Amino acid sequence: MSALTKAKGFKKSRSGTYLSMAGTAFGAIGVAKRLKKARAEQDTLVLLDATVSAVAIVTGLAILYRELKRLGDDDVLLG
């Protein structure tokens, strides 16, 4: 298998999924800051937007976790 083929399959590998999870979790930091600021300023619209973003992050992490479980032993990069 060539290096280019492995690189294309990275997104569907365990490593790629972990990297996606880390990126998604990193986005949660920004959302948490927006939630805190919106609460302090009592800005309902920003609070609602940040809440929807937080739900999207949780859903994204759940989907990535499910994909990680599905990968199991058939990792693209290992074989």
Protein backbone atom coordinates (compact mmCIF):
# COMPACT_ATOMS: atom_id res chain seq x y z
CA MET A 1 0.00 0.00 0.00
CA SER A 2 1.48 3.36 -1.00
CA ALA A 3 1.92 6.26 1.37
CA LEU A 4 -0.65 8.29 -0.55
CA THR A 5 -3.27 5.57 -0.16
CA LYS A 6 -2.57 5.40 3.57
CA ALA A 7 -2.86 9.18 3.84
CA LYS A 8 -6.25 9.10 2.10
CA GLY A 9 -7.44 6.43 4.53
CA PHE A 10 -6.24 8.35 7.60
CA LYS A 11 -9.62 9.96 8.24
CA LYS A 12 -11.22 6.52 8.58
CA SER A 13 -8.50 5.18 10.87
CA ARG A 14 -8.37 5.06 14.64
CA SER A 15 -5.74 7.79 14.67
CA GLY A 16 -7.82 10.00 12.40
CA THR A 17 -10.89 9.48 14.54
CA TYR A 18 -8.97 10.34 17.71
CA LEU A 19 -7.67 13.48 16.01
CA SER A 20 -11.21 14.45 15.00
CA MET A 21 -12.41 13.88 18.56
CA ALA A 22 -9.62 16.06 19.92
CA GLY A 23 -10.46 18.84 17.47
CA THR A 24 -14.13 18.67 18.36
CA ALA A 25 -13.37 18.68 22.09
CA PHE A 26 -11.05 21.65 21.57
CA GLY A 27 -13.99 23.53 20.06
CA ALA A 28 -15.86 22.96 23.31
CA ILE A 29 -13.47 25.36 25.06
CA GLY A 30 -14.63 28.26 22.89
CA VAL A 31 -18.27 27.34 23.40
CA ALA A 32 -17.77 27.19 27.18
CA LYS A 33 -16.26 30.69 27.11
CA ARG A 34 -19.22 31.98 25.06
CA LEU A 35 -21.66 30.38 27.50
CA LYS A 36 -19.93 31.98 30.47
CA LYS A 37 -19.82 35.40 28.81
CA ALA A 38 -23.47 35.18 27.72
CA ARG A 39 -24.56 34.31 31.24
CA ALA A 40 -22.56 37.18 32.71
CA GLU A 41 -24.07 39.64 30.20
CA GLN A 42 -27.51 38.01 30.39
CA ASP A 43 -27.60 37.85 26.59
CA THR A 44 -30.32 35.32 25.80
CA LEU A 45 -29.62 35.10 22.07
CA VAL A 46 -25.90 34.38 22.51
CA LEU A 47 -26.74 31.95 25.31
CA LEU A 48 -29.12 30.09 23.01
CA ASP A 49 -26.54 30.02 20.20
CA ALA A 50 -23.82 28.71 22.51
CA THR A 51 -26.19 26.07 23.90
CA VAL A 52 -27.04 24.83 20.41
CA SER A 53 -23.31 24.74 19.60
CA ALA A 54 -22.65 22.73 22.77
CA VAL A 55 -25.33 20.21 21.82
CA ALA A 56 -23.77 19.92 18.35
CA ILE A 57 -20.36 19.23 19.90
CA VAL A 58 -21.77 16.52 22.18
CA THR A 59 -23.56 14.93 19.22
CA GLY A 60 -20.39 15.09 17.12
CA LEU A 61 -18.35 13.43 19.84
CA ALA A 62 -20.98 10.70 20.20
CA ILE A 63 -20.88 10.02 16.46
CA LEU A 64 -17.07 9.90 16.46
CA TYR A 65 -17.10 7.56 19.47
CA ARG A 66 -19.53 5.27 17.67
CA GLU A 67 -17.27 5.30 14.59
CA LEU A 68 -14.30 4.47 16.79
CA LYS A 69 -16.13 1.45 18.19
CA ARG A 70 -17.07 0.32 14.67
CA LEU A 71 -13.48 0.50 13.47
CA GLY A 72 -12.43 -2.16 15.93
CA ASP A 73 -9.51 -4.15 14.60
CA ASP A 74 -9.89 -3.31 10.91
CA ASP A 75 -7.82 -0.12 11.11
CA VAL A 76 -6.82 1.21 7.70
CA LEU A 77 -3.33 2.25 8.76
CA LEU A 78 -2.44 -1.03 10.43
CA GLY A 79 -3.13 -3.33 7.59
